Protein backbone atom coordinates (compact mmCIF):
# COMPACT_ATOMS: atom_id res chain seq x y z
CA MET A 1 -6.11 -7.41 -26.32
CA ASN A 2 -9.12 -7.90 -23.93
CA ALA A 3 -8.57 -8.30 -20.17
CA GLN A 4 -9.12 -11.95 -19.97
CA ALA A 5 -6.86 -12.67 -22.68
CA TRP A 6 -3.95 -10.63 -21.11
CA LEU A 7 -4.77 -12.20 -17.68
CA ALA A 8 -4.46 -15.77 -19.17
CA GLU A 9 -1.22 -14.67 -20.95
CA LEU A 10 0.13 -13.31 -17.80
CA ASP A 11 -0.74 -16.64 -16.02
CA ALA A 12 1.06 -18.69 -18.56
CA GLU A 13 4.09 -16.58 -18.47
CA LEU A 14 4.21 -16.53 -14.58
CA ARG A 15 4.03 -20.28 -14.72
CA ARG A 16 6.65 -20.55 -17.45
CA ARG A 17 9.10 -18.64 -15.55
CA GLY A 18 8.81 -20.86 -12.63
CA THR A 19 6.19 -19.25 -10.48
CA GLY A 20 4.45 -21.41 -8.35
CA PRO A 21 0.58 -21.91 -9.37
CA ASP A 22 -0.85 -20.28 -5.81
CA THR A 23 1.60 -17.28 -6.35
CA ALA A 24 0.82 -16.84 -9.74
CA ALA A 25 -2.89 -17.11 -9.14
CA HIS A 26 -2.56 -14.41 -6.64
CA VAL A 27 -0.68 -12.24 -8.93
CA VAL A 28 -3.30 -12.65 -11.72
CA ALA A 29 -6.01 -11.78 -9.04
CA GLU A 30 -4.49 -8.69 -8.02
CA ALA A 31 -3.95 -7.27 -11.64
CA ALA A 32 -7.44 -8.46 -12.20
CA ALA A 33 -8.62 -6.05 -9.51
CA HIS A 34 -6.71 -3.29 -10.88
CA LEU A 35 -8.15 -3.67 -14.40
CA THR A 36 -11.56 -3.82 -12.73
CA ASP A 37 -11.34 -0.70 -10.90
CA SER A 38 -9.83 1.23 -13.80
CA GLY A 39 -11.51 -0.04 -16.77
CA GLU A 40 -8.61 0.52 -18.98
CA ASN A 41 -6.96 -1.73 -21.43
CA PRO A 42 -4.41 -4.04 -19.73
CA VAL A 43 -1.49 -3.25 -22.09
CA THR A 44 -2.15 0.58 -21.43
CA VAL A 45 -2.01 -0.09 -17.56
CA PHE A 46 0.64 -2.91 -17.27
CA GLY A 47 2.32 -3.23 -20.64
CA ARG A 48 2.88 -6.45 -22.27
CA ALA A 49 2.05 -9.54 -20.01
CA GLU A 50 5.59 -10.90 -20.72
CA SER A 51 7.16 -7.84 -19.26
CA TYR A 52 5.03 -7.43 -16.46
CA ALA A 53 5.59 -11.03 -15.37
CA ALA A 54 9.27 -10.31 -15.49
CA ALA A 55 8.75 -7.15 -13.45
CA VAL A 56 6.48 -8.86 -10.96
CA ILE A 57 8.89 -11.71 -10.52
CA GLU A 58 11.81 -9.36 -9.71
CA ILE A 59 9.66 -7.79 -7.03
CA ILE A 60 8.57 -10.80 -5.29
CA GLY A 61 11.75 -12.62 -5.63
CA ASN A 62 13.63 -13.48 -2.32
CA ARG A 63 15.56 -10.51 -1.06
CA ALA A 64 18.26 -10.40 1.60
CA ARG A 65 16.85 -8.90 4.73
CA ARG A 66 18.29 -7.52 7.95
CA ALA A 67 17.15 -8.82 11.25
CA PRO A 68 14.06 -6.80 12.41
CA GLY A 69 14.53 -4.19 15.07
CA PRO A 70 12.36 -2.97 17.99
CA VAL A 71 8.47 -3.56 17.79
CA ARG A 72 6.88 -0.34 16.40
CA LEU A 73 3.35 -1.44 16.16
CA ARG A 74 1.61 -3.93 18.35
CA ALA A 75 -2.09 -4.55 18.04
CA ARG A 76 -3.71 -7.08 20.59
CA GLY A 77 -7.34 -8.58 20.79
CA ILE A 78 -8.95 -6.01 18.32
CA SER A 79 -12.60 -6.63 17.84
CA LYS A 80 -15.07 -4.56 16.02
CA ARG A 81 -18.70 -4.86 15.14
CA TYR A 82 -21.08 -2.88 13.37
CA ARG A 83 -24.54 -3.59 14.85
CA ARG A 84 -24.96 -7.35 14.58
CA ARG A 85 -22.03 -7.94 12.16
CA VAL A 86 -18.79 -8.86 13.48
CA VAL A 87 -15.90 -7.15 11.32
CA LEU A 88 -13.01 -7.94 13.45
CA ASP A 89 -12.79 -10.63 16.14
CA ASN A 90 -9.64 -10.70 18.53
CA VAL A 91 -7.29 -9.65 15.78
CA ASP A 92 -3.49 -9.51 16.79
CA LEU A 93 -0.39 -7.97 14.88
CA THR A 94 3.06 -7.14 15.84
CA VAL A 95 5.49 -5.48 13.36
CA ARG A 96 9.09 -4.55 14.03
CA ALA A 97 11.28 -2.01 12.81
CA GLY A 98 12.51 -3.31 9.16
CA GLN A 99 9.15 -5.47 8.48
CA ILE A 100 6.55 -5.23 5.91
CA ALA A 101 3.44 -6.71 7.03
CA ALA A 102 0.61 -7.44 4.32
CA VAL A 103 -2.95 -7.44 5.47
CA VAL A 104 -5.12 -9.46 3.24
CA GLY A 105 -8.57 -11.11 2.90
CA ALA A 106 -11.93 -11.01 1.17
CA ASN A 107 -13.66 -8.02 0.42
CA GLY A 108 -15.58 -6.96 3.57
CA CYS A 109 -13.38 -8.94 5.99
CA GLY A 110 -12.45 -5.57 7.90
CA LYS A 111 -8.94 -4.60 6.21
CA SER A 112 -9.51 -1.14 6.06
CA THR A 113 -11.28 -1.00 9.49
CA PHE A 114 -8.48 -2.67 10.90
CA LEU A 115 -6.01 -0.20 9.55
CA GLY A 116 -8.30 2.81 10.71
CA ILE A 117 -8.02 1.32 14.05
CA CYS A 118 -4.09 1.11 14.13
CA ALA A 119 -4.10 4.79 12.78
CA GLY A 120 -6.36 5.77 15.61
CA LEU A 121 -9.17 7.06 13.35
CA VAL A 122 -11.45 4.22 14.33
CA SER A 123 -12.35 3.19 18.02
CA PRO A 124 -12.28 -0.81 18.40
CA ASP A 125 -14.75 -2.37 20.84
CA SER A 126 -12.11 -3.99 22.64
CA GLY A 127 -8.29 -4.60 22.38
CA GLU A 128 -5.63 -1.99 22.19
CA VAL A 129 -2.95 -0.61 19.67
CA GLY A 130 0.40 0.77 20.74
CA VAL A 131 2.69 2.90 18.40
CA ASP A 132 6.31 3.61 19.04
CA GLY A 133 7.33 6.58 16.88
CA ARG A 134 5.89 8.78 14.49
CA LEU A 135 2.89 7.33 12.26
CA GLY A 136 2.08 8.00 8.70
CA TYR A 137 -1.33 6.91 7.01
CA CYS A 138 -2.36 6.49 3.58
CA PRO A 139 -6.15 6.02 3.17
CA GLN A 140 -7.70 4.10 0.20
CA GLU A 141 -9.84 7.04 -0.58
CA GLY A 142 -10.03 10.53 0.14
CA GLY A 143 -7.06 12.40 2.11
CA VAL A 144 -6.61 15.31 -0.17
CA ALA A 145 -8.18 18.62 -0.36
CA ASP A 146 -9.78 19.38 -4.00
CA PHE A 147 -8.77 23.06 -3.87
CA LEU A 148 -4.93 23.02 -3.00
CA ARG A 149 -2.08 22.31 -5.02
CA PRO A 150 0.26 19.37 -4.29
CA ASP A 151 2.89 21.77 -2.96
CA GLU A 152 0.17 23.23 -0.67
CA HIS A 153 -0.57 19.70 0.62
CA PHE A 154 3.15 19.26 1.29
CA VAL A 155 3.37 22.50 3.16
CA LEU A 156 0.25 21.73 5.25
CA VAL A 157 1.55 18.30 6.20
CA GLY A 158 4.87 19.25 6.92
CA ALA A 159 3.86 22.22 9.27
CA GLY A 160 2.59 19.79 11.42
CA ALA A 161 5.81 18.08 11.97
CA GLY A 162 7.70 21.44 12.15
CA LEU A 163 9.16 21.33 8.68
CA THR A 164 9.89 24.60 6.86
CA ARG A 165 7.85 25.40 3.53
CA VAL A 166 11.20 24.63 1.51
CA THR A 167 11.69 21.49 3.22
CA ALA A 168 8.37 20.20 2.86
CA LYS A 169 8.18 20.93 -0.70
CA THR A 170 11.25 19.42 -1.47
CA ARG A 171 10.78 16.21 0.23
CA GLY A 172 7.08 15.97 -1.31
CA ARG A 173 8.54 16.73 -4.94
CA ASP A 174 11.47 14.36 -4.58
CA SER A 175 8.81 11.48 -3.22
CA ALA A 176 6.45 12.33 -6.05
CA ALA A 177 9.49 11.97 -8.50
CA ALA A 178 10.16 8.41 -7.08
CA LEU A 179 6.75 7.41 -8.33
CA GLY A 180 7.33 9.00 -11.74
CA TRP A 181 5.25 12.07 -10.99
CA THR A 182 6.50 15.64 -11.44
CA ALA A 183 4.38 17.53 -8.64
CA ALA A 184 5.88 21.06 -8.89
CA ASP A 185 3.28 23.21 -10.94
CA ALA A 186 0.71 20.63 -10.77
CA PRO A 187 -2.88 21.71 -10.77
CA THR A 188 -5.20 21.52 -7.71
CA ALA A 189 -6.34 18.09 -6.55
CA ARG A 190 -9.80 18.21 -8.20
CA HIS A 191 -8.11 18.22 -11.47
CA LEU A 192 -5.74 15.23 -11.02
CA SER A 193 -6.43 11.75 -12.03
CA GLY A 194 -7.51 9.01 -9.60
CA GLY A 195 -4.13 7.56 -9.87
CA THR A 196 -2.31 10.78 -9.32
CA ARG A 197 -4.46 11.66 -6.41
CA GLN A 198 -3.33 8.40 -4.78
CA LYS A 199 0.28 9.11 -5.33
CA LEU A 200 -0.29 12.40 -3.62
CA ASN A 201 -1.90 10.59 -0.74
CA LEU A 202 1.17 8.04 -0.60
CA VAL A 203 3.62 11.15 -0.67
CA MET A 204 1.89 12.91 2.10
CA SER A 205 1.95 9.81 4.37
CA THR A 206 5.79 9.46 3.96
CA LEU A 207 6.38 13.36 3.98
CA THR A 208 7.32 13.27 7.73
CA GLU A 209 9.40 10.22 7.51
CA PRO A 210 7.37 8.10 9.90
CA ASP A 211 8.56 5.16 11.86
CA VAL A 212 5.16 3.41 11.27
CA LEU A 213 3.64 3.50 7.81
CA LEU A 214 -0.06 2.30 7.36
CA LEU A 215 -1.09 1.86 3.66
CA ASP A 216 -4.47 1.03 2.69
CA GLU A 217 -4.35 -0.36 -0.88
CA PRO A 218 -2.26 2.64 -1.80
CA TYR A 219 -1.63 1.76 -5.46
CA GLN A 220 -5.23 1.96 -6.78
CA GLY A 221 -5.01 3.41 -10.33
CA PHE A 222 -1.27 3.30 -10.55
CA ASP A 223 0.18 2.15 -13.92
CA ARG A 224 2.79 -0.75 -14.21
CA SER A 225 5.81 1.42 -13.81
CA THR A 226 4.49 3.34 -10.90
CA TYR A 227 3.36 0.08 -9.16
CA VAL A 228 6.98 -1.32 -9.55
CA ASN A 229 8.36 1.98 -8.23
CA PHE A 230 5.86 1.77 -5.40
CA TRP A 231 7.28 -1.65 -4.11
CA ASP A 232 10.78 -0.49 -4.89
CA GLN A 233 10.20 2.48 -2.53
CA LEU A 234 8.62 0.15 0.21
CA TYR A 235 11.63 -2.15 0.14
CA ARG A 236 13.57 1.07 0.59
CA LEU A 237 11.75 2.15 3.56
CA ARG A 238 11.88 -1.32 4.98
CA ASP A 239 15.64 -1.38 4.84
CA GLU A 240 15.94 2.14 6.50
CA GLY A 241 14.10 0.62 9.48
CA LYS A 242 10.64 1.58 8.97
CA ALA A 243 7.61 -0.88 10.20
CA ILE A 244 5.26 -0.97 7.34
CA VAL A 245 1.61 -2.37 7.17
CA VAL A 246 -0.08 -2.49 3.77
CA VAL A 247 -3.55 -3.47 2.78
CA THR A 248 -3.23 -5.66 -0.55
CA HIS A 249 -4.86 -8.09 -2.70
CA LEU A 250 -1.28 -9.79 -2.64
CA LEU A 251 -1.78 -12.92 -0.62
CA ASN A 252 0.71 -15.18 1.67
CA GLN A 253 2.66 -16.85 -1.02
CA LEU A 254 4.47 -13.76 -2.15
CA ASP A 255 7.93 -13.37 -0.65
CA GLY A 256 8.16 -9.60 -0.99
CA VAL A 257 6.72 -9.16 2.48
CA ASP A 258 7.79 -10.33 6.11
CA LEU A 259 4.44 -10.91 7.58
CA VAL A 260 1.00 -11.78 6.59
CA LEU A 261 -2.34 -11.14 8.47
CA ASP A 262 -5.11 -12.87 6.79
CA LEU A 263 -8.35 -11.47 7.91
CA THR A 264 -10.52 -13.97 6.13
CA LYS A 265 -9.08 -16.57 8.36
CA ALA A 266 -9.08 -14.50 11.54
CA ALA A 267 -12.93 -14.05 10.87
CA ALA A 268 -13.76 -17.73 10.08
């Protein structure tokens, strides 16, 4: 089945199951972005459209949520320009413990730049960011060392937080298993597929049990089951009181997140 036919079937199945037209359109758009990036057959990546629609509806369905805790991340008045091009203009975001915030918007609207500023890797032209607690960051690209094995990545990241080699390896392997990946005895990073490298990135960002987790489209290259496992893991971390900011193609009609920062509107 070609991608267009599969996407049309997904749209029809979502609507048949009672999903609103805006939400269905956003889910289909995200799936289309995945297929464009991977170039793979949609059935190979996501499974049958009917099954994927059921899984997505389960993910985005209303969930019982605890009252949010104290503020963990506060970004105020963030502005950034590159030469004459304004990327971010006076952007605000406050995320509390036990909340997931989605950063959405058109390509080039500054989503990754904003997350990099929140992570302290990019300097804003104006504004400030405050973080209360330990911070974890998963970039959209990079972040891994080609000639290190996954276990060596875990040990290296864990050492920065004072973890023993055994503890770091155990945590890393357990988190990898939650994403459907066996990290033990895996080859060096340069021999991993793009999706598996991104799993490694994601595992490293959570290894030190951060209070604030910044994720820049972390599911690129994930297959359907891993994608579902990823969101399940995010909901579990939210229930544990983590503050999570995720850059995603998912837009503001989805019920799986608590806050939405639409940078397309912010830049308008």
